[in-house]
Amino acid sequence: MFSPFRHVARTLTSVGSLSLISQPGSWTITRSWVCNHTWKRQTRTYAAFPPTALKPTHSIYVSNSTNPYFNLTLEDWLFRYHAPRAPLLLLYKDSSCVVIGRNQNPWKEVNLMEAKAKGIPWIRRRSGGGTVYHDLGNTNYSIHVPRTTFDRRETAQVVLRAVRALGVDAYVNERNDICVSGEKVSGSAYKIVGNRAYHHGTMLISTRLGTLGDLLRTNKPTMNTKGVASVRSPVRNLVQSSTTATHQAFVETMVRSFREEYGIDEEPCFVDEAPEYVEDEYFRVGMTELQSWDWAYGQTPEFEYFVGKTFEWGQVVGPPFLFVRAHILRLLFI
């Protein structure tokens, strides 16, 4: 005999063990934590920012690390502590991972089963925007400028000139994405806090587009989220348009374009995942937070999920589950 609650429990095992509390006309569901942690509204403790013994003094940084947790924390550290009136450029590439926006739903954006099968982690970054796939075939750029002079079109032009210098006939579309022949080679995301802003993106150079599609192809039509949804677009690699397009070549043209735009005469500072960084409290706390449940899942915006099962004779769809910060809060029978 089909039991909707047994099916629900099987379907939602990735969320946590369930306990059902009967109420008139509804069921309240709470998450049972193995570590005896009772449910409560999660708030971000990292907002206070841990101290750092380091001081960023350069205008151009190129990371030699391919650790996404290190590179995303490096970007955040530069954003928080670099001189606010001075332009800054950061370039890096990551080992394989999926990076979702600050206000996105991982169940809606990432094929979590495929990611687990491939051993590829997903990470929630600290800026908005959509979901992207990182691997050693793409290069990430981050342009930081004072808020008073921040213009998305201008920073997009810095990237565009770098791509065109590789012999690629690219252009900027209405969303400030970099495109070639109607297909996207780089999207854009932004962050503005206080007197500082940045524009960052992922340039597809020789990315495994098949893996990208497998990881970002999801099917959750019964999930309604208040989070930001990614804008799906056809994509391509720069190597499809230029045989000279490599990570190193793009780094060189980006550095040159950035220097020309902001009148900077400085050599890049190359950053290694060395003890001076990873043992610094800001980096240690920041990298740990990115891997924590409270940040990765707990920061998910509120959403509803209707669980269903298809039989030969039709489909059964249950009442909606309400999730708040990835905790199952309520199941309502209407």
Protein backbone atom coordinates (compact mmCIF):
# COMPACT_ATOMS: atom_id res chain seq x y z
CA MET A 1 0.00 0.00 0.00
CA PHE A 2 1.32 3.44 -0.93
CA SER A 3 2.07 5.63 2.07
CA PRO A 4 2.55 9.33 1.28
CA PHE A 5 4.54 9.88 4.46
CA ARG A 6 6.87 6.94 3.72
CA HIS A 7 7.41 8.34 0.20
CA VAL A 8 8.00 11.82 1.59
CA ALA A 9 10.59 10.52 4.05
CA ARG A 10 12.46 8.70 1.26
CA THR A 11 12.31 11.74 -1.02
CA LEU A 12 13.62 14.16 1.57
CA THR A 13 16.36 12.11 3.19
CA SER A 14 18.97 14.63 2.06
CA VAL A 15 17.31 17.30 4.18
CA GLY A 16 17.30 15.44 7.46
CA SER A 17 15.34 13.08 9.65
CA LEU A 18 11.72 14.04 10.16
CA SER A 19 9.41 14.23 13.15
CA LEU A 20 5.70 14.87 12.61
CA ILE A 21 3.61 16.75 15.17
CA SER A 22 -0.13 16.57 14.60
CA GLN A 23 -2.12 19.81 14.71
CA PRO A 24 -5.73 20.49 13.67
CA GLY A 25 -5.72 20.68 9.88
CA SER A 26 -1.95 20.48 9.49
CA TRP A 27 1.27 18.69 10.28
CA THR A 28 4.24 20.58 11.64
CA ILE A 29 7.54 19.01 10.69
CA THR A 30 10.80 19.72 12.44
CA ARG A 31 14.33 18.65 11.58
CA SER A 32 15.99 16.30 14.06
CA TRP A 33 19.70 17.02 14.28
CA VAL A 34 22.12 14.22 15.09
CA CYS A 35 24.13 16.70 17.16
CA ASN A 36 21.07 17.47 19.32
CA HIS A 37 20.66 20.85 17.64
CA THR A 38 17.13 22.24 17.88
CA TRP A 39 15.66 24.22 15.00
CA LYS A 40 15.94 27.97 15.13
CA ARG A 41 16.17 30.80 12.64
CA GLN A 42 19.72 30.85 11.29
CA THR A 43 21.61 34.12 11.14
CA ARG A 44 24.99 34.73 9.64
CA THR A 45 27.65 35.15 12.31
CA TYR A 46 30.35 35.93 9.75
CA ALA A 47 28.88 39.42 9.18
CA ALA A 48 31.10 40.71 12.02
CA PHE A 49 34.20 39.76 9.94
CA PRO A 50 37.09 38.14 11.78
CA PRO A 51 40.31 40.15 12.10
CA THR A 52 43.17 39.82 9.63
CA ALA A 53 46.89 40.36 10.08
CA LEU A 54 47.35 40.88 6.34
CA LYS A 55 46.98 44.05 4.32
CA PRO A 56 46.33 44.10 0.55
CA THR A 57 48.50 46.81 -1.02
CA HIS A 58 48.63 45.79 -4.69
CA SER A 59 46.26 46.65 -7.54
CA ILE A 60 46.50 43.38 -9.50
CA TYR A 61 46.33 39.91 -7.94
CA VAL A 62 46.67 36.56 -9.71
CA SER A 63 46.05 33.46 -7.59
CA ASN A 64 48.15 30.36 -8.23
CA SER A 65 45.75 28.31 -6.12
CA THR A 66 42.96 26.26 -7.69
CA ASN A 67 41.16 25.75 -4.37
CA PRO A 68 37.73 27.41 -4.78
CA TYR A 69 37.30 27.90 -1.02
CA PHE A 70 40.61 29.76 -0.86
CA ASN A 71 39.97 31.85 -3.97
CA LEU A 72 36.45 32.91 -2.95
CA THR A 73 37.76 33.90 0.48
CA LEU A 74 40.67 35.76 -1.14
CA GLU A 75 38.18 37.73 -3.24
CA ASP A 76 36.12 38.60 -0.17
CA TRP A 77 39.23 39.63 1.81
CA LEU A 78 40.35 41.94 -0.99
CA PHE A 79 36.87 43.43 -1.21
CA ARG A 80 36.76 44.13 2.52
CA TYR A 81 40.29 45.36 3.14
CA HIS A 82 41.70 46.87 -0.05
CA ALA A 83 41.78 50.68 -0.19
CA PRO A 84 38.20 51.60 -1.22
CA ARG A 85 39.18 54.32 -3.68
CA ALA A 86 41.71 52.21 -5.59
CA PRO A 87 40.69 49.92 -8.50
CA LEU A 88 41.67 46.27 -8.12
CA LEU A 89 41.79 43.21 -10.37
CA LEU A 90 41.79 39.56 -9.24
CA LEU A 91 42.24 36.60 -11.60
CA TYR A 92 42.12 32.91 -10.73
CA LYS A 93 40.90 29.49 -11.85
CA ASP A 94 39.36 26.72 -9.74
CA SER A 95 39.26 22.97 -9.72
CA SER A 96 35.87 21.53 -10.69
CA CYS A 97 32.97 22.89 -8.65
CA VAL A 98 29.55 24.49 -9.02
CA VAL A 99 29.18 27.98 -7.55
CA ILE A 100 25.71 29.32 -6.81
CA GLY A 101 24.68 32.89 -6.06
CA ARG A 102 24.23 34.23 -2.54
CA ASN A 103 20.41 34.18 -2.81
CA GLN A 104 19.88 30.95 -4.74
CA ASN A 105 18.35 27.55 -4.00
CA PRO A 106 20.82 24.67 -4.54
CA TRP A 107 18.06 22.09 -5.13
CA LYS A 108 16.66 24.31 -7.90
CA GLU A 109 19.99 25.26 -9.47
CA VAL A 110 22.26 22.21 -9.15
CA ASN A 111 21.81 18.59 -10.16
CA LEU A 112 22.93 17.43 -6.72
CA MET A 113 22.81 13.72 -7.53
CA GLU A 114 25.00 14.22 -10.60
CA ALA A 115 27.41 16.41 -8.63
CA LYS A 116 27.70 13.74 -5.93
CA ALA A 117 28.22 11.00 -8.50
CA LYS A 118 31.03 12.99 -10.15
CA GLY A 119 32.55 14.01 -6.81
CA ILE A 120 32.15 17.70 -7.64
CA PRO A 121 31.30 20.06 -4.74
CA TRP A 122 28.94 23.01 -4.91
CA ILE A 123 29.60 26.27 -3.06
CA ARG A 124 27.47 29.29 -2.18
CA ARG A 125 29.43 32.46 -2.95
CA ARG A 126 29.03 35.80 -1.18
CA SER A 127 27.70 37.77 -4.16
CA GLY A 128 24.40 37.59 -6.03
CA GLY A 129 23.81 36.44 -9.58
CA GLY A 130 23.32 33.02 -11.10
CA THR A 131 24.94 29.60 -10.94
CA VAL A 132 28.20 28.87 -12.76
CA TYR A 133 30.45 25.87 -13.28
CA HIS A 134 34.17 26.24 -12.59
CA ASP A 135 36.94 23.99 -13.82
CA LEU A 136 40.52 24.41 -15.00
CA GLY A 137 39.22 25.30 -18.45
CA ASN A 138 37.79 28.65 -17.38
CA THR A 139 39.21 31.77 -15.75
CA ASN A 140 37.50 33.90 -13.13
CA TYR A 141 37.95 37.66 -13.01
CA SER A 142 36.92 40.20 -10.38
CA ILE A 143 37.11 43.97 -10.92
CA HIS A 144 36.76 46.11 -7.77
CA VAL A 145 36.15 49.86 -7.94
CA PRO A 146 34.76 52.64 -5.71
CA ARG A 147 30.99 52.61 -5.51
CA THR A 148 30.77 56.20 -6.70
CA THR A 149 32.38 55.32 -10.05
CA PHE A 150 30.93 51.82 -10.48
CA ASP A 151 29.34 51.28 -13.90
CA ARG A 152 28.49 47.76 -15.10
CA ARG A 153 28.87 48.72 -18.74
CA GLU A 154 32.35 50.18 -18.18
CA THR A 155 33.69 47.16 -16.31
CA ALA A 156 32.18 44.88 -18.97
CA GLN A 157 34.13 46.83 -21.60
CA VAL A 158 37.37 46.05 -19.73
CA VAL A 159 36.63 42.35 -20.12
CA LEU A 160 35.45 42.77 -23.71
CA ARG A 161 38.72 44.41 -24.78
CA ALA A 162 40.66 41.53 -23.23
CA VAL A 163 38.62 38.97 -25.17
CA ARG A 164 38.91 40.87 -28.44
CA ALA A 165 42.68 41.07 -27.95
CA LEU A 166 42.64 37.27 -28.32
CA GLY A 167 41.20 37.64 -31.80
CA VAL A 168 37.60 36.84 -30.78
CA ASP A 169 34.76 38.88 -32.28
CA ALA A 170 32.87 39.31 -29.01
CA TYR A 171 30.28 41.81 -27.82
CA VAL A 172 28.40 42.81 -24.65
CA ASN A 173 24.66 42.09 -24.55
CA GLU A 174 21.93 43.93 -22.64
CA ARG A 175 22.67 41.90 -19.49
CA ASN A 176 26.38 42.79 -19.66
CA ASP A 177 27.28 39.21 -20.57
CA ILE A 178 30.18 38.69 -22.97
CA CYS A 179 28.88 36.86 -26.04
CA VAL A 180 30.17 35.41 -29.29
CA SER A 181 27.84 34.57 -32.19
CA GLY A 182 24.78 34.69 -29.94
CA GLU A 183 26.27 32.41 -27.28
CA LYS A 184 27.58 33.43 -23.86
CA VAL A 185 31.25 33.03 -22.98
CA SER A 186 30.95 34.89 -19.66
CA GLY A 187 28.10 35.99 -17.44
CA SER A 188 28.27 38.73 -14.83
CA ALA A 189 27.50 39.11 -11.13
CA TYR A 190 27.95 42.07 -8.82
CA LYS A 191 28.30 43.04 -5.20
CA ILE A 192 27.94 46.50 -3.67
CA VAL A 193 28.62 47.13 0.02
CA GLY A 194 29.30 50.52 1.59
CA ASN A 195 31.71 52.51 -0.57
CA ARG A 196 32.98 49.55 -2.60
CA ALA A 197 31.65 47.47 -5.53
CA TYR A 198 32.82 44.65 -7.75
CA HIS A 199 31.92 43.01 -11.05
CA HIS A 200 33.00 39.41 -11.47
CA GLY A 201 32.45 36.60 -13.92
CA THR A 202 33.68 33.28 -15.30
CA MET A 203 35.28 33.25 -18.77
CA LEU A 204 34.73 29.97 -20.60
CA ILE A 205 37.97 29.15 -22.41
CA SER A 206 38.14 25.37 -22.76
CA THR A 207 35.57 24.27 -20.19
CA ARG A 208 33.99 20.82 -20.28
CA LEU A 209 30.64 22.02 -21.58
CA GLY A 210 29.10 18.55 -21.33
CA THR A 211 29.84 18.41 -17.61
CA LEU A 212 28.57 21.96 -17.23
CA GLY A 213 25.26 20.95 -18.78
CA ASP A 214 24.96 17.78 -16.69
CA LEU A 215 25.50 19.65 -13.42
CA LEU A 216 23.27 22.64 -14.14
CA ARG A 217 20.38 20.70 -15.70
CA THR A 218 17.67 20.36 -13.04
CA ASN A 219 13.98 19.50 -13.04
CA LYS A 220 12.10 20.80 -10.02
CA PRO A 221 8.79 22.11 -11.46
CA THR A 222 6.99 21.61 -8.12
CA MET A 223 9.51 23.70 -6.19
CA ASN A 224 8.55 27.35 -5.71
CA THR A 225 11.35 29.49 -4.34
CA LYS A 226 11.78 33.10 -3.29
CA GLY A 227 15.42 32.84 -4.33
CA VAL A 228 16.99 34.24 -7.48
CA ALA A 229 16.72 31.94 -10.50
CA SER A 230 19.55 31.62 -13.01
CA VAL A 231 18.95 32.85 -16.55
CA ARG A 232 19.64 29.91 -18.86
CA SER A 233 21.61 30.78 -21.98
CA PRO A 234 23.48 28.85 -24.70
CA VAL A 235 27.23 28.91 -24.03
CA ARG A 236 30.48 28.33 -25.90
CA ASN A 237 34.22 28.30 -25.27
CA LEU A 238 36.70 30.90 -26.52
CA VAL A 239 38.79 28.13 -28.12
CA GLN A 240 35.93 27.64 -30.58
CA SER A 241 36.78 31.09 -31.95
CA SER A 242 40.50 31.45 -31.23
CA THR A 243 43.33 28.93 -31.18
CA THR A 244 45.40 31.30 -29.02
CA ALA A 245 42.84 31.47 -26.19
CA THR A 246 44.35 30.01 -23.00
CA HIS A 247 44.22 30.85 -19.32
CA GLN A 248 47.61 32.55 -19.46
CA ALA A 249 46.74 34.52 -22.59
CA PHE A 250 43.48 35.75 -21.05
CA VAL A 251 45.26 36.73 -17.83
CA GLU A 252 47.75 38.79 -19.85
CA THR A 253 45.09 40.58 -21.93
CA MET A 254 42.94 41.23 -18.83
CA VAL A 255 45.90 42.74 -16.96
CA ARG A 256 46.71 44.93 -19.95
CA SER A 257 43.09 46.07 -20.40
CA PHE A 258 42.75 46.82 -16.67
CA ARG A 259 45.96 48.85 -16.65
CA GLU A 260 44.83 50.90 -19.64
CA GLU A 261 41.39 51.57 -18.18
CA TYR A 262 42.58 52.74 -14.76
CA GLY A 263 46.03 54.12 -15.54
CA ILE A 264 47.87 51.56 -13.41
CA ASP A 265 51.55 50.79 -13.94
CA GLU A 266 52.10 47.79 -11.70
CA GLU A 267 53.10 44.15 -12.07
CA PRO A 268 50.69 41.47 -10.81
CA CYS A 269 51.06 40.10 -7.30
CA PHE A 270 50.94 36.28 -7.49
CA VAL A 271 49.27 34.65 -4.50
CA ASP A 272 49.94 31.11 -3.29
CA GLU A 273 47.91 29.14 -0.78
CA ALA A 274 50.73 29.69 1.69
CA PRO A 275 50.66 29.58 5.53
CA GLU A 276 50.62 33.39 5.76
CA TYR A 277 47.15 33.27 4.18
CA VAL A 278 45.57 29.99 5.28
CA GLU A 279 46.66 30.51 8.89
CA ASP A 280 45.31 34.06 8.97
CA GLU A 281 42.08 34.15 10.97
CA TYR A 282 40.07 35.82 8.22
CA PHE A 283 40.98 33.11 5.71
CA ARG A 284 40.61 30.29 8.22
CA VAL A 285 37.12 31.37 9.29
CA GLY A 286 36.06 32.32 5.78
CA MET A 287 37.10 29.03 4.18
CA THR A 288 35.47 27.06 7.00
CA GLU A 289 32.23 28.97 6.66
CA LEU A 290 31.92 28.29 2.93
CA GLN A 291 31.98 24.55 3.68
CA SER A 292 29.53 24.69 6.60
CA TRP A 293 25.92 23.47 6.49
CA ASP A 294 24.66 26.76 7.93
CA TRP A 295 26.15 28.71 5.04
CA ALA A 296 25.71 26.29 2.14
CA TYR A 297 22.18 25.09 2.96
CA GLY A 298 21.07 27.34 5.82
CA GLN A 299 21.26 30.52 3.73
CA THR A 300 18.75 29.17 1.19
CA PRO A 301 15.80 31.56 0.78
CA GLU A 302 12.37 30.32 1.80
CA PHE A 303 10.73 27.87 -0.61
CA GLU A 304 7.83 25.42 -1.01
CA TYR A 305 8.12 21.91 -2.41
CA PHE A 306 5.28 19.69 -3.56
CA VAL A 307 6.29 16.01 -3.42
CA GLY A 308 4.65 13.66 -5.92
CA LYS A 309 4.88 10.17 -7.37
CA THR A 310 3.76 8.93 -10.78
CA PHE A 311 1.95 5.58 -11.15
CA GLU A 312 0.57 3.78 -14.19
CA TRP A 313 -2.88 5.06 -13.33
CA GLY A 314 -1.88 8.67 -12.67
CA GLN A 315 0.09 10.98 -10.40
CA VAL A 316 -0.20 11.67 -6.70
CA VAL A 317 0.97 15.10 -5.53
CA GLY A 318 1.08 15.78 -1.83
CA PRO A 319 0.56 19.04 0.03
CA PRO A 320 3.40 21.59 0.03
CA PHE A 321 6.31 21.52 2.41
CA LEU A 322 7.44 24.95 3.57
CA PHE A 323 11.20 25.29 3.99
CA VAL A 324 12.81 28.18 5.87
CA ARG A 325 16.62 28.32 5.72
CA ALA A 326 16.59 24.72 4.39
CA HIS A 327 14.69 23.42 7.43
CA ILE A 328 11.31 21.78 6.87
CA LEU A 329 9.00 24.05 8.79
CA ARG A 330 5.45 23.06 7.92
CA LEU A 331 3.28 20.70 5.88
CA LEU A 332 -0.22 22.01 5.23
CA PHE A 333 -3.17 19.92 4.14
CA ILE A 334 -5.48 22.16 2.16
